[in-house]
PDB file of N, CA and C in Angstrom:
ATOM      1  N   MET A   1      63.525  17.026  36.179  1.00  0.00           N
ATOM      2  CA  MET A   1      62.621  16.982  37.299  1.00  0.00           C
ATOM      3  C   MET A   1      61.763  15.713  37.271  1.00  0.00           C
ATOM      4  N   ARG A   2      61.318  15.325  36.050  1.00  0.00           N
ATOM      5  CA  ARG A   2      60.490  14.125  35.953  1.00  0.00           C
ATOM      6  C   ARG A   2      61.267  12.867  36.338  1.00  0.00           C
ATOM      7  N   ARG A   3      62.580  12.860  36.062  1.00  0.00           N
ATOM      8  CA  ARG A   3      63.397  11.691  36.416  1.00  0.00           C
ATOM      9  C   ARG A   3      63.438  11.468  37.918  1.00  0.00           C
ATOM     10  N   LEU A   4      63.283  12.511  38.689  1.00  0.00           N
ATOM     11  CA  LEU A   4      63.317  12.391  40.144  1.00  0.00           C
ATOM     12  C   LEU A   4      61.968  12.013  40.729  1.00  0.00           C
ATOM     13  N   ALA A   5      60.892  12.168  39.996  1.00  0.00           N
ATOM     14  CA  ALA A   5      59.550  11.933  40.533  1.00  0.00           C
ATOM     15  C   ALA A   5      59.365  10.493  41.003  1.00  0.00           C
ATOM     16  N   VAL A   6      59.732   9.518  40.193  1.00  0.00           N
ATOM     17  CA  VAL A   6      59.527   8.112  40.560  1.00  0.00           C
ATOM     18  C   VAL A   6      60.413   7.711  41.744  1.00  0.00           C
ATOM     19  N   PRO A   7      61.729   7.999  41.723  1.00  0.00           N
ATOM     20  CA  PRO A   7      62.534   7.630  42.902  1.00  0.00           C
ATOM     21  C   PRO A   7      62.049   8.311  44.183  1.00  0.00           C
ATOM     22  N   CYS A   8      61.636   9.564  44.080  1.00  0.00           N
ATOM     23  CA  CYS A   8      61.136  10.252  45.281  1.00  0.00           C
ATOM     24  C   CYS A   8      59.853   9.612  45.785  1.00  0.00           C
ATOM     25  N   ALA A   9      58.973   9.241  44.876  1.00  0.00           N
ATOM     26  CA  ALA A   9      57.732   8.582  45.281  1.00  0.00           C
ATOM     27  C   ALA A   9      58.021   7.247  45.953  1.00  0.00           C
ATOM     28  N   LEU A  10      58.983   6.490  45.432  1.00  0.00           N
ATOM     29  CA  LEU A  10      59.347   5.213  46.050  1.00  0.00           C
ATOM     30  C   LEU A  10      59.938   5.412  47.438  1.00  0.00           C
ATOM     31  N   LEU A  11      60.763   6.417  47.599  1.00  0.00           N
ATOM     32  CA  LEU A  11      61.333   6.706  48.921  1.00  0.00           C
ATOM     33  C   LEU A  11      60.250   7.092  49.918  1.00  0.00           C
ATOM     34  N   LEU A  12      59.300   7.902  49.497  1.00  0.00           N
ATOM     35  CA  LEU A  12      58.210   8.291  50.395  1.00  0.00           C
ATOM     36  C   LEU A  12      57.363   7.090  50.780  1.00  0.00           C
ATOM     37  N   ALA A  13      57.089   6.208  49.819  1.00  0.00           N
ATOM     38  CA  ALA A  13      56.305   5.011  50.120  1.00  0.00           C
ATOM     39  C   ALA A  13      57.049   4.120  51.109  1.00  0.00           C
ATOM     40  N   ALA A  14      58.353   3.941  50.907  1.00  0.00           N
ATOM     41  CA  ALA A  14      59.142   3.106  51.818  1.00  0.00           C
ATOM     42  C   ALA A  14      59.218   3.715  53.205  1.00  0.00           C
ATOM     43  N   ALA A  15      59.295   5.018  53.292  1.00  0.00           N
ATOM     44  CA  ALA A  15      59.369   5.679  54.597  1.00  0.00           C
ATOM     45  C   ALA A  15      58.083   5.500  55.383  1.00  0.00           C
ATOM     46  N   GLY A  16      56.964   5.310  54.705  1.00  0.00           N
ATOM     47  CA  GLY A  16      55.688   5.133  55.385  1.00  0.00           C
ATOM     48  C   GLY A  16      55.475   3.742  55.930  1.00  0.00           C
ATOM     49  N   CYS A  17      56.318   2.796  55.556  1.00  0.00           N
ATOM     50  CA  CYS A  17      56.169   1.424  56.022  1.00  0.00           C
ATOM     51  C   CYS A  17      56.871   1.270  57.353  1.00  0.00           C
ATOM     52  N   GLY A  18      56.127   0.819  58.366  1.00  0.00           N
ATOM     53  CA  GLY A  18      56.720   0.598  59.678  1.00  0.00           C
ATOM     54  C   GLY A  18      57.170  -0.832  59.796  1.00  0.00           C
ATOM     55  N   GLY A  19      58.084  -1.095  60.690  1.00  0.00           N
ATOM     56  CA  GLY A  19      58.549  -2.454  60.910  1.00  0.00           C
ATOM     57  C   GLY A  19      58.200  -2.917  62.300  1.00  0.00           C
ATOM     58  N   GLY A  20      57.734  -4.160  62.434  1.00  0.00           N
ATOM     59  CA  GLY A  20      57.496  -4.737  63.735  1.00  0.00           C
ATOM     60  C   GLY A  20      58.773  -5.383  64.237  1.00  0.00           C
ATOM     61  N   ASP A  21      58.707  -6.005  65.398  1.00  0.00           N
ATOM     62  CA  ASP A  21      59.884  -6.667  65.951  1.00  0.00           C
ATOM     63  C   ASP A  21      60.337  -7.825  65.073  1.00  0.00           C
ATOM     64  N   GLY A  22      59.397  -8.410  64.288  1.00  0.00           N
ATOM     65  CA  GLY A  22      59.733  -9.550  63.456  1.00  0.00           C
ATOM     66  C   GLY A  22      60.381  -9.168  62.144  1.00  0.00           C
ATOM     67  N   GLY A  23      60.566  -7.877  61.880  1.00  0.00           N
ATOM     68  CA  GLY A  23      61.253  -7.458  60.686  1.00  0.00           C
ATOM     69  C   GLY A  23      60.340  -7.168  59.514  1.00  0.00           C
ATOM     70  N   GLY A  24      59.069  -7.558  59.584  1.00  0.00           N
ATOM     71  CA  GLY A  24      58.143  -7.290  58.498  1.00  0.00           C
ATOM     72  C   GLY A  24      57.384  -6.003  58.743  1.00  0.00           C
ATOM     73  N   PRO A  25      56.659  -5.531  57.722  1.00  0.00           N
ATOM     74  CA  PRO A  25      55.901  -4.303  57.902  1.00  0.00           C
ATOM     75  C   PRO A  25      54.728  -4.508  58.849  1.00  0.00           C
ATOM     76  N   SER A  26      54.405  -3.479  59.610  1.00  0.00           N
ATOM     77  CA  SER A  26      53.246  -3.515  60.489  1.00  0.00           C
ATOM     78  C   SER A  26      52.018  -3.164  59.677  1.00  0.00           C
ATOM     79  N   ARG A  27      50.901  -3.781  60.037  1.00  0.00           N
ATOM     80  CA  ARG A  27      49.666  -3.487  59.348  1.00  0.00           C
ATOM     81  C   ARG A  27      48.537  -3.532  60.364  1.00  0.00           C
ATOM     82  N   THR A  28      47.600  -2.605  60.231  1.00  0.00           N
ATOM     83  CA  THR A  28      46.459  -2.538  61.126  1.00  0.00           C
ATOM     84  C   THR A  28      45.195  -2.883  60.366  1.00  0.00           C
ATOM     85  N   VAL A  29      44.331  -3.699  60.975  1.00  0.00           N
ATOM     86  CA  VAL A  29      43.008  -3.946  60.434  1.00  0.00           C
ATOM     87  C   VAL A  29      41.979  -3.535  61.470  1.00  0.00           C
ATOM     88  N   THR A  30      40.834  -3.094  60.988  1.00  0.00           N
ATOM     89  CA  THR A  30      39.737  -2.692  61.857  1.00  0.00           C
ATOM     90  C   THR A  30      38.531  -3.550  61.535  1.00  0.00           C
ATOM     91  N   THR A  31      37.831  -3.999  62.576  1.00  0.00           N
ATOM     92  CA  THR A  31      36.637  -4.806  62.399  1.00  0.00           C
ATOM     93  C   THR A  31      35.633  -4.434  63.471  1.00  0.00           C
ATOM     94  N   ALA A  32      34.405  -4.818  63.262  1.00  0.00           N
ATOM     95  CA  ALA A  32      33.355  -4.579  64.245  1.00  0.00           C
ATOM     96  C   ALA A  32      33.275  -5.760  65.202  1.00  0.00           C
ATOM     97  N   ALA A  33      32.819  -5.486  66.423  1.00  0.00           N
ATOM     98  CA  ALA A  33      32.554  -6.573  67.364  1.00  0.00           C
ATOM     99  C   ALA A  33      31.528  -7.495  66.720  1.00  0.00           C
ATOM    100  N   GLY A  34      31.656  -8.787  66.965  1.00  0.00           N
ATOM    101  CA  GLY A  34      30.777  -9.758  66.339  1.00  0.00           C
ATOM    102  C   GLY A  34      31.317 -10.249  65.006  1.00  0.00           C
ATOM    103  N   GLY A  35      32.409  -9.648  64.547  1.00  0.00           N
ATOM    104  CA  GLY A  35      33.002 -10.009  63.267  1.00  0.00           C
ATOM    105  C   GLY A  35      34.114 -11.028  63.416  1.00  0.00           C
ATOM    106  N   THR A  36      34.843 -11.191  62.320  1.00  0.00           N
ATOM    107  CA  THR A  36      35.958 -12.126  62.258  1.00  0.00           C
ATOM    108  C   THR A  36      37.198 -11.386  61.802  1.00  0.00           C
ATOM    109  N   VAL A  37      38.324 -11.660  62.445  1.00  0.00           N
ATOM    110  CA  VAL A  37      39.603 -11.135  61.990  1.00  0.00           C
ATOM    111  C   VAL A  37      40.475 -12.335  61.614  1.00  0.00           C
ATOM    112  N   ARG A  38      41.096 -12.248  60.450  1.00  0.00           N
ATOM    113  CA  ARG A  38      41.971 -13.320  59.961  1.00  0.00           C
ATOM    114  C   ARG A  38      43.422 -12.869  60.100  1.00  0.00           C
ATOM    115  N   ILE A  39      44.212 -13.713  60.737  1.00  0.00           N
ATOM    116  CA  ILE A  39      45.616 -13.396  61.003  1.00  0.00           C
ATOM    117  C   ILE A  39      46.472 -14.552  60.506  1.00  0.00           C
ATOM    118  N   SER A  40      47.583 -14.222  59.867  1.00  0.00           N
ATOM    119  CA  SER A  40      48.523 -15.262  59.450  1.00  0.00           C
ATOM    120  C   SER A  40      49.730 -15.239  60.383  1.00  0.00           C
ATOM    121  N   ALA A  41      50.348 -16.395  60.538  1.00  0.00           N
ATOM    122  CA  ALA A  41      51.524 -16.530  61.398  1.00  0.00           C
ATOM    123  C   ALA A  41      52.626 -17.209  60.616  1.00  0.00           C
ATOM    124  N   ASP A  42      53.832 -16.691  60.761  1.00  0.00           N
ATOM    125  CA  ASP A  42      55.022 -17.383  60.268  1.00  0.00           C
ATOM    126  C   ASP A  42      56.173 -16.993  61.172  1.00  0.00           C
ATOM    127  N   GLU A  43      57.369 -17.388  60.815  1.00  0.00           N
ATOM    128  CA  GLU A  43      58.513 -17.122  61.687  1.00  0.00           C
ATOM    129  C   GLU A  43      59.023 -15.711  61.471  1.00  0.00           C
ATOM    130  N   TYR A  44      58.973 -14.875  62.355  1.00  0.00           N
ATOM    131  CA  TYR A  44      58.316 -14.846  63.660  1.00  0.00           C
ATOM    132  C   TYR A  44      57.503 -13.573  63.722  1.00  0.00           C
ATOM    133  N   ARG A  45      56.324 -13.610  63.109  1.00  0.00           N
ATOM    134  CA  ARG A  45      55.468 -12.433  63.079  1.00  0.00           C
ATOM    135  C   ARG A  45      54.030 -12.827  62.791  1.00  0.00           C
ATOM    136  N   PHE A  46      53.134 -11.904  63.122  1.00  0.00           N
ATOM    137  CA  PHE A  46      51.727 -12.007  62.777  1.00  0.00           C
ATOM    138  C   PHE A  46      51.427 -10.987  61.692  1.00  0.00           C
ATOM    139  N   GLY A  47      50.505 -11.301  60.837  1.00  0.00           N
ATOM    140  CA  GLY A  47      50.060 -10.337  59.845  1.00  0.00           C
ATOM    141  C   GLY A  47      48.538 -10.381  59.744  1.00  0.00           C
ATOM    142  N   PRO A  48      47.852  -9.346  60.126  1.00  0.00           N
ATOM    143  CA  PRO A  48      48.342  -8.080  60.657  1.00  0.00           C
ATOM    144  C   PRO A  48      48.790  -8.237  62.110  1.00  0.00           C
ATOM    145  N   ASP A  49      49.560  -7.267  62.570  1.00  0.00           N
ATOM    146  CA  ASP A  49      50.014  -7.311  63.964  1.00  0.00           C
ATOM    147  C   ASP A  49      49.314  -6.268  64.831  1.00  0.00           C
ATOM    148  N   ARG A  50      48.371  -5.544  64.241  1.00  0.00           N
ATOM    149  CA  ARG A  50      47.553  -4.591  65.002  1.00  0.00           C
ATOM    150  C   ARG A  50      46.099  -4.743  64.569  1.00  0.00           C
ATOM    151  N   VAL A  51      45.223  -4.899  65.560  1.00  0.00           N
ATOM    152  CA  VAL A  51      43.797  -5.066  65.296  1.00  0.00           C
ATOM    153  C   VAL A  51      43.041  -4.047  66.134  1.00  0.00           C
ATOM    154  N   VAL A  52      42.089  -3.364  65.508  1.00  0.00           N
ATOM    155  CA  VAL A  52      41.195  -2.451  66.208  1.00  0.00           C
ATOM    156  C   VAL A  52      39.788  -3.014  66.061  1.00  0.00           C
ATOM    157  N   VAL A  53      39.094  -3.154  67.193  1.00  0.00           N
ATOM    158  CA  VAL A  53      37.729  -3.668  67.192  1.00  0.00           C
ATOM    159  C   VAL A  53      36.811  -2.539  67.631  1.00  0.00           C
ATOM    160  N   ARG A  54      35.801  -2.279  66.809  1.00  0.00           N
ATOM    161  CA  ARG A  54      34.838  -1.221  67.129  1.00  0.00           C
ATOM    162  C   ARG A  54      33.745  -1.806  68.014  1.00  0.00           C
ATOM    163  N   GLY A  55      33.881  -1.554  69.289  1.00  0.00           N
ATOM    164  CA  GLY A  55      32.872  -1.981  70.251  1.00  0.00           C
ATOM    165  C   GLY A  55      33.211  -3.279  70.942  1.00  0.00           C
ATOM    166  N   PRO A  56      32.725  -3.427  72.190  1.00  0.00           N
ATOM    167  CA  PRO A  56      32.944  -4.662  72.939  1.00  0.00           C
ATOM    168  C   PRO A  56      32.046  -5.772  72.414  1.00  0.00           C
ATOM    169  N   GLY A  57      32.392  -6.990  72.768  1.00  0.00           N
ATOM    170  CA  GLY A  57      31.590  -8.140  72.361  1.00  0.00           C
ATOM    171  C   GLY A  57      32.475  -9.301  71.979  1.00  0.00           C
ATOM    172  N   VAL A  58      31.893 -10.234  71.244  1.00  0.00           N
ATOM    173  CA  VAL A  58      32.610 -11.445  70.840  1.00  0.00           C
ATOM    174  C   VAL A  58      33.309 -11.197  69.508  1.00  0.00           C
ATOM    175  N   LEU A  59      34.553 -11.616  69.433  1.00  0.00           N
ATOM    176  CA  LEU A  59      35.333 -11.535  68.204  1.00  0.00           C
ATOM    177  C   LEU A  59      35.799 -12.938  67.861  1.00  0.00           C
ATOM    178  N   ARG A  60      35.685 -13.286  66.596  1.00  0.00           N
ATOM    179  CA  ARG A  60      36.203 -14.568  66.112  1.00  0.00           C
ATOM    180  C   ARG A  60      37.559 -14.294  65.481  1.00  0.00           C
ATOM    181  N   ILE A  61      38.577 -15.015  65.934  1.00  0.00           N
ATOM    182  CA  ILE A  61      39.936 -14.892  65.395  1.00  0.00           C
ATOM    183  C   ILE A  61      40.261 -16.181  64.663  1.00  0.00           C
ATOM    184  N   VAL A  62      40.653 -16.050  63.398  1.00  0.00           N
ATOM    185  CA  VAL A  62      41.085 -17.205  62.617  1.00  0.00           C
ATOM    186  C   VAL A  62      42.582 -17.038  62.369  1.00  0.00           C
ATOM    187  N   LEU A  63      43.361 -17.995  62.862  1.00  0.00           N
ATOM    188  CA  LEU A  63      44.805 -17.962  62.680  1.00  0.00           C
ATOM    189  C   LEU A  63      45.187 -19.012  61.645  1.00  0.00           C
ATOM    190  N   ARG A  64      45.920 -18.586  60.630  1.00  0.00           N
ATOM    191  CA  ARG A  64      46.452 -19.485  59.601  1.00  0.00           C
ATOM    192  C   ARG A  64      47.963 -19.604  59.823  1.00  0.00           C
ATOM    193  N   ASN A  65      48.450 -20.822  59.977  1.00  0.00           N
ATOM    194  CA  ASN A  65      49.870 -21.043  60.217  1.00  0.00           C
ATOM    195  C   ASN A  65      50.585 -21.223  58.877  1.00  0.00           C
ATOM    196  N   ASP A  66      51.203 -20.144  58.405  1.00  0.00           N
ATOM    197  CA  ASP A  66      51.964 -20.168  57.166  1.00  0.00           C
ATOM    198  C   ASP A  66      53.443 -20.461  57.415  1.00  0.00           C
ATOM    199  N   GLY A  67      53.798 -20.752  58.645  1.00  0.00           N
ATOM    200  CA  GLY A  67      55.191 -20.996  58.994  1.00  0.00           C
ATOM    201  C   GLY A  67      55.596 -22.439  58.785  1.00  0.00           C
ATOM    202  N   SER A  68      56.770 -22.765  59.308  1.00  0.00           N
ATOM    203  CA  SER A  68      57.297 -24.123  59.192  1.00  0.00           C
ATOM    204  C   SER A  68      57.362 -24.834  60.538  1.00  0.00           C
ATOM    205  N   VAL A  69      56.885 -24.166  61.598  1.00  0.00           N
ATOM    206  CA  VAL A  69      56.813 -24.763  62.929  1.00  0.00           C
ATOM    207  C   VAL A  69      55.446 -24.440  63.530  1.00  0.00           C
ATOM    208  N   ALA A  70      55.129 -25.080  64.653  1.00  0.00           N
ATOM    209  CA  ALA A  70      53.844 -24.844  65.320  1.00  0.00           C
ATOM    210  C   ALA A  70      53.750 -23.408  65.831  1.00  0.00           C
ATOM    211  N   HIS A  71      52.538 -22.857  65.800  1.00  0.00           N
ATOM    212  CA  HIS A  71      52.248 -21.528  66.338  1.00  0.00           C
ATOM    213  C   HIS A  71      50.881 -21.546  67.006  1.00  0.00           C
ATOM    214  N   ASP A  72      50.625 -20.524  67.821  1.00  0.00           N
ATOM    215  CA  ASP A  72      49.305 -20.263  68.370  1.00  0.00           C
ATOM    216  C   ASP A  72      49.126 -18.751  68.426  1.00  0.00           C
ATOM    217  N   ILE A  73      47.956 -18.316  68.840  1.00  0.00           N
ATOM    218  CA  ILE A  73      47.751 -16.902  69.122  1.00  0.00           C
ATOM    219  C   ILE A  73      46.944 -16.823  70.399  1.00  0.00           C
ATOM    220  N   ARG A  74      47.447 -16.044  71.342  1.00  0.00           N
ATOM    221  CA  ARG A  74      46.792 -15.855  72.629  1.00  0.00           C
ATOM    222  C   ARG A  74      46.611 -14.362  72.865  1.00  0.00           C
ATOM    223  N   LEU A  75      45.545 -14.002  73.545  1.00  0.00           N
ATOM    224  CA  LEU A  75      45.297 -12.616  73.927  1.00  0.00           C
ATOM    225  C   LEU A  75      45.491 -12.494  75.424  1.00  0.00           C
ATOM    226  N   ARG A  76      46.182 -11.443  75.817  1.00  0.00           N
ATOM    227  CA  ARG A  76      46.392 -11.163  77.236  1.00  0.00           C
ATOM    228  C   ARG A  76      46.005  -9.725  77.528  1.00  0.00           C
ATOM    229  N   ARG A  77      45.464  -9.536  78.712  1.00  0.00           N
ATOM    230  CA  ARG A  77      45.142  -8.190  79.196  1.00  0.00           C
ATOM    231  C   ARG A  77      45.520  -8.144  80.664  1.00  0.00           C
ATOM    232  N   GLY A  78      46.362  -7.180  81.002  1.00  0.00           N
ATOM    233  CA  GLY A  78      46.811  -7.082  82.383  1.00  0.00           C
ATOM    234  C   GLY A  78      47.552  -8.321  82.852  1.00  0.00           C
ATOM    235  N   GLY A  79      48.267  -8.988  81.936  1.00  0.00           N
ATOM    236  CA  GLY A  79      49.023 -10.186  82.281  1.00  0.00           C
ATOM    237  C   GLY A  79      48.190 -11.451  82.353  1.00  0.00           C
ATOM    238  N   LYS A  80      46.870 -11.352  82.140  1.00  0.00           N
ATOM    239  CA  LYS A  80      45.995 -12.524  82.215  1.00  0.00           C
ATOM    240  C   LYS A  80      45.566 -12.969  80.826  1.00  0.00           C
ATOM    241  N   ASP A  81      45.588 -14.279  80.610  1.00  0.00           N
ATOM    242  CA  ASP A  81      45.165 -14.862  79.344  1.00  0.00           C
ATOM    243  C   ASP A  81      43.647 -14.753  79.230  1.00  0.00           C
ATOM    244  N   VAL A  82      43.159 -14.240  78.095  1.00  0.00           N
ATOM    245  CA  VAL A  82      41.710 -14.116  77.888  1.00  0.00           C
ATOM    246  C   VAL A  82      41.210 -14.998  76.751  1.00  0.00           C
ATOM    247  N   GLY A  83      42.090 -15.794  76.145  1.00  0.00           N
ATOM    248  CA  GLY A  83      41.642 -16.719  75.118  1.00  0.00           C
ATOM    249  C   GLY A  83      42.554 -16.740  73.914  1.00  0.00           C
ATOM    250  N   GLY A  84      42.201 -17.604  72.972  1.00  0.00           N
ATOM    251  CA  GLY A  84      42.972 -17.762  71.745  1.00  0.00           C
ATOM    252  C   GLY A  84      42.966 -19.203  71.307  1.00  0.00           C
ATOM    253  N   THR A  85      43.888 -19.533  70.408  1.00  0.00           N
ATOM    254  CA  THR A  85      43.953 -20.888  69.868  1.00  0.00           C
ATOM    255  C   THR A  85      45.006 -21.708  70.608  1.00  0.00           C
ATOM    256  N   PRO A  86      44.879 -23.028  70.548  1.00  0.00           N
ATOM    257  CA  PRO A  86      45.997 -23.860  70.990  1.00  0.00           C
ATOM    258  C   PRO A  86      47.077 -23.823  69.912  1.00  0.00           C
ATOM    259  N   SER A  87      48.252 -24.331  70.212  1.00  0.00           N
ATOM    260  CA  SER A  87      49.290 -24.413  69.178  1.00  0.00           C
ATOM    261  C   SER A  87      48.902 -25.519  68.198  1.00  0.00           C
ATOM    262  N   PHE A  88      49.286 -25.309  66.928  1.00  0.00           N
ATOM    263  CA  PHE A  88      48.961 -26.298  65.907  1.00  0.00           C
ATOM    264  C   PHE A  88      50.018 -26.277  64.814  1.00  0.00           C
ATOM    265  N   ALA A  89      50.014 -27.340  64.040  1.00  0.00           N
ATOM    266  CA  ALA A  89      51.055 -27.592  63.044  1.00  0.00           C
ATOM    267  C   ALA A  89      51.003 -26.631  61.860  1.00  0.00           C
ATOM    268  N   PRO A  90      52.124 -26.498  61.156  1.00  0.00           N
ATOM    269  CA  PRO A  90      52.178 -25.663  59.957  1.00  0.00           C
ATOM    270  C   PRO A  90      51.166 -26.115  58.906  1.00  0.00           C
ATOM    271  N   GLY A  91      50.680 -25.155  58.147  1.00  0.00           N
ATOM    272  CA  GLY A  91      49.756 -25.444  57.056  1.00  0.00           C
ATOM    273  C   GLY A  91      48.301 -25.484  57.467  1.00  0.00           C
ATOM    274  N   GLY A  92      48.024 -25.426  58.747  1.00  0.00           N
ATOM    275  CA  GLY A  92      46.645 -25.496  59.224  1.00  0.00           C
ATOM    276  C   GLY A  92      46.090 -24.152  59.636  1.00  0.00           C
ATOM    277  N   SER A  93      44.813 -24.160  59.970  1.00  0.00           N
ATOM    278  CA  SER A  93      44.121 -22.975  60.494  1.00  0.00           C
ATOM    279  C   SER A  93      43.301 -23.394  61.693  1.00  0.00           C
ATOM    280  N   MET A  94      43.155 -22.480  62.638  1.00  0.00           N
ATOM    281  CA  MET A  94      42.299 -22.704  63.799  1.00  0.00           C
ATOM    282  C   MET A  94      41.574 -21.407  64.103  1.00  0.00           C
ATOM    283  N   ALA A  95      40.398 -21.532  64.707  1.00  0.00           N
ATOM    284  CA  ALA A  95      39.613 -20.361  65.073  1.00  0.00           C
ATOM    285  C   ALA A  95      39.331 -20.378  66.572  1.00  0.00           C
ATOM    286  N   ALA A  96      39.164 -19.188  67.125  1.00  0.00           N
ATOM    287  CA  ALA A  96      38.809 -19.038  68.536  1.00  0.00           C
ATOM    288  C   ALA A  96      37.852 -17.862  68.659  1.00  0.00           C
ATOM    289  N   ARG A  97      36.969 -17.948  69.619  1.00  0.00           N
ATOM    290  CA  ARG A  97      36.069 -16.828  69.924  1.00  0.00           C
ATOM    291  C   ARG A  97      36.473 -16.277  71.282  1.00  0.00           C
ATOM    292  N   VAL A  98      36.591 -14.960  71.352  1.00  0.00           N
ATOM    293  CA  VAL A  98      36.946 -14.305  72.609  1.00  0.00           C
ATOM    294  C   VAL A  98      35.952 -13.184  72.880  1.00  0.00           C
ATOM    295  N   ARG A  99      35.577 -13.057  74.137  1.00  0.00           N
ATOM    296  CA  ARG A  99      34.691 -11.973  74.556  1.00  0.00           C
ATOM    297  C   ARG A  99      35.580 -10.839  75.050  1.00  0.00           C
ATOM    298  N   LEU A 100      35.423  -9.672  74.435  1.00  0.00           N
ATOM    299  CA  LEU A 100      36.314  -8.546  74.705  1.00  0.00           C
ATOM    300  C   LEU A 100      35.580  -7.359  75.303  1.00  0.00           C
ATOM    301  N   LYS A 101      36.249  -6.726  76.247  1.00  0.00           N
ATOM    302  CA  LYS A 101      35.782  -5.475  76.846  1.00  0.00           C
ATOM    303  C   LYS A 101      36.627  -4.348  76.259  1.00  0.00           C
ATOM    304  N   PRO A 102      36.178  -3.107  76.376  1.00  0.00           N
ATOM    305  CA  PRO A 102      36.999  -1.993  75.877  1.00  0.00           C
ATOM    306  C   PRO A 102      38.372  -1.991  76.549  1.00  0.00           C
ATOM    307  N   GLY A 103      39.388  -1.665  75.776  1.00  0.00           N
ATOM    308  CA  GLY A 103      40.744  -1.596  76.300  1.00  0.00           C
ATOM    309  C   GLY A 103      41.751  -2.174  75.345  1.00  0.00           C
ATOM    310  N   LYS A 104      42.977  -2.297  75.833  1.00  0.00           N
ATOM    311  CA  LYS A 104      44.089  -2.796  75.020  1.00  0.00           C
ATOM    312  C   LYS A 104      44.474  -4.199  75.454  1.00  0.00           C
ATOM    313  N   TYR A 105      44.778  -5.016  74.458  1.00  0.00           N
ATOM    314  CA  TYR A 105      45.172  -6.403  74.661  1.00  0.00           C
ATOM    315  C   TYR A 105      46.478  -6.648  73.924  1.00  0.00           C
ATOM    316  N   GLU A 106      47.208  -7.650  74.393  1.00  0.00           N
ATOM    317  CA  GLU A 106      48.435  -8.063  73.727  1.00  0.00           C
ATOM    318  C   GLU A 106      48.145  -9.355  72.970  1.00  0.00           C
ATOM    319  N   LEU A 107      48.585  -9.431  71.722  1.00  0.00           N
ATOM    320  CA  LEU A 107      48.529 -10.662  70.934  1.00  0.00           C
ATOM    321  C   LEU A 107      49.910 -11.283  71.000  1.00  0.00           C
ATOM    322  N   LEU A 108      50.001 -12.592  71.228  1.00  0.00           N
ATOM    323  CA  LEU A 108      51.315 -13.214  71.214  1.00  0.00           C
ATOM    324  C   LEU A 108      51.228 -14.699  70.927  1.00  0.00           C
ATOM    325  N   CYS A 109      52.316 -15.221  70.414  1.00  0.00           N
ATOM    326  CA  CYS A 109      52.478 -16.660  70.230  1.00  0.00           C
ATOM    327  C   CYS A 109      53.197 -17.166  71.472  1.00  0.00           C
ATOM    328  N   THR A 110      52.598 -18.145  72.137  1.00  0.00           N
ATOM    329  CA  THR A 110      53.181 -18.647  73.385  1.00  0.00           C
ATOM    330  C   THR A 110      54.015 -19.906  73.184  1.00  0.00           C
ATOM    331  N   VAL A 111      54.275 -20.274  71.944  1.00  0.00           N
ATOM    332  CA  VAL A 111      55.115 -21.441  71.659  1.00  0.00           C
ATOM    333  C   VAL A 111      56.581 -21.047  71.855  1.00  0.00           C
ATOM    334  N   GLY A 112      57.274 -21.786  72.695  1.00  0.00           N
ATOM    335  CA  GLY A 112      58.712 -21.541  72.908  1.00  0.00           C
ATOM    336  C   GLY A 112      59.026 -20.077  73.159  1.00  0.00           C
ATOM    337  N   ASP A 113      60.020 -19.555  72.449  1.00  0.00           N
ATOM    338  CA  ASP A 113      60.427 -18.153  72.594  1.00  0.00           C
ATOM    339  C   ASP A 113      59.919 -17.287  71.446  1.00  0.00           C
ATOM    340  N   HIS A 114      58.849 -17.724  70.779  1.00  0.00           N
ATOM    341  CA  HIS A 114      58.335 -17.004  69.612  1.00  0.00           C
ATOM    342  C   HIS A 114      57.956 -15.561  69.927  1.00  0.00           C
ATOM    343  N   ALA A 115      57.335 -15.316  71.077  1.00  0.00           N
ATOM    344  CA  ALA A 115      56.965 -13.932  71.432  1.00  0.00           C
ATOM    345  C   ALA A 115      58.213 -13.065  71.562  1.00  0.00           C
ATOM    346  N   GLN A 116      59.259 -13.586  72.178  1.00  0.00           N
ATOM    347  CA  GLN A 116      60.499 -12.834  72.330  1.00  0.00           C
ATOM    348  C   GLN A 116      61.165 -12.587  70.983  1.00  0.00           C
ATOM    349  N   LEU A 117      60.912 -13.452  70.014  1.00  0.00           N
ATOM    350  CA  LEU A 117      61.498 -13.299  68.683  1.00  0.00           C
ATOM    351  C   LEU A 117      60.685 -12.381  67.775  1.00  0.00           C
ATOM    352  N   GLY A 118      59.555 -11.852  68.288  1.00  0.00           N
ATOM    353  CA  GLY A 118      58.783 -10.882  67.521  1.00  0.00           C
ATOM    354  C   GLY A 118      57.343 -11.227  67.239  1.00  0.00           C
ATOM    355  N   MET A 119      56.890 -12.398  67.666  1.00  0.00           N
ATOM    356  CA  MET A 119      55.492 -12.772  67.410  1.00  0.00           C
ATOM    357  C   MET A 119      54.593 -12.136  68.448  1.00  0.00           C
ATOM    358  N   ARG A 120      54.392 -10.843  68.267  1.00  0.00           N
ATOM    359  CA  ARG A 120      53.571 -10.044  69.168  1.00  0.00           C
ATOM    360  C   ARG A 120      52.752  -9.075  68.342  1.00  0.00           C
ATOM    361  N   GLY A 121      51.707  -8.602  68.938  1.00  0.00           N
ATOM    362  CA  GLY A 121      50.889  -7.589  68.314  1.00  0.00           C
ATOM    363  C   GLY A 121      49.979  -6.956  69.347  1.00  0.00           C
ATOM    364  N   THR A 122      49.116  -6.089  68.882  1.00  0.00           N
ATOM    365  CA  THR A 122      48.178  -5.423  69.781  1.00  0.00           C
ATOM    366  C   THR A 122      46.765  -5.524  69.233  1.00  0.00           C
ATOM    367  N   LEU A 123      45.821  -5.539  70.135  1.00  0.00           N
ATOM    368  CA  LEU A 123      44.415  -5.486  69.805  1.00  0.00           C
ATOM    369  C   LEU A 123      43.806  -4.449  70.720  1.00  0.00           C
ATOM    370  N   GLU A 124      43.053  -3.535  70.155  1.00  0.00           N
ATOM    371  CA  GLU A 124      42.398  -2.501  70.958  1.00  0.00           C
ATOM    372  C   GLU A 124      40.914  -2.495  70.658  1.00  0.00           C
ATOM    373  N   VAL A 125      40.128  -2.539  71.725  1.00  0.00           N
ATOM    374  CA  VAL A 125      38.669  -2.453  71.609  1.00  0.00           C
ATOM    375  C   VAL A 125      38.284  -1.033  71.970  1.00  0.00           C
ATOM    376  N   LYS A 126      37.666  -0.360  70.999  1.00  0.00           N
ATOM    377  CA  LYS A 126      37.266   1.043  71.216  1.00  0.00           C
ATOM    378  C   LYS A 126      35.770   1.149  71.394  1.00  0.00           C
TER     379      LYS A 126
END
């Protein structure tokens, strides 16, 4: 029975990991309005790819480009761009401040076809 404990625990842990469109595990972070959320970008995913903000207000987003090509991060709500970073070269970081109202937003990289390849996420203001 003890021999099965470790393999079963590993299987349960693996089953709890979700996958985003980019093939990596999904991860959610929660922050307060007025805070900062740090997101990394590579080919072709964001980490974390889900952000929850407690309360409306200004949020500072810091994007670190860990990939090998240019990336950006943009927020959209109802098909309209509400802010984010410009695209920038690998190895760098950029920050943007966005004013958010309660609701759901889409995070995406607008460089080339990166969003279609999985560079998407969600942000929800509660």
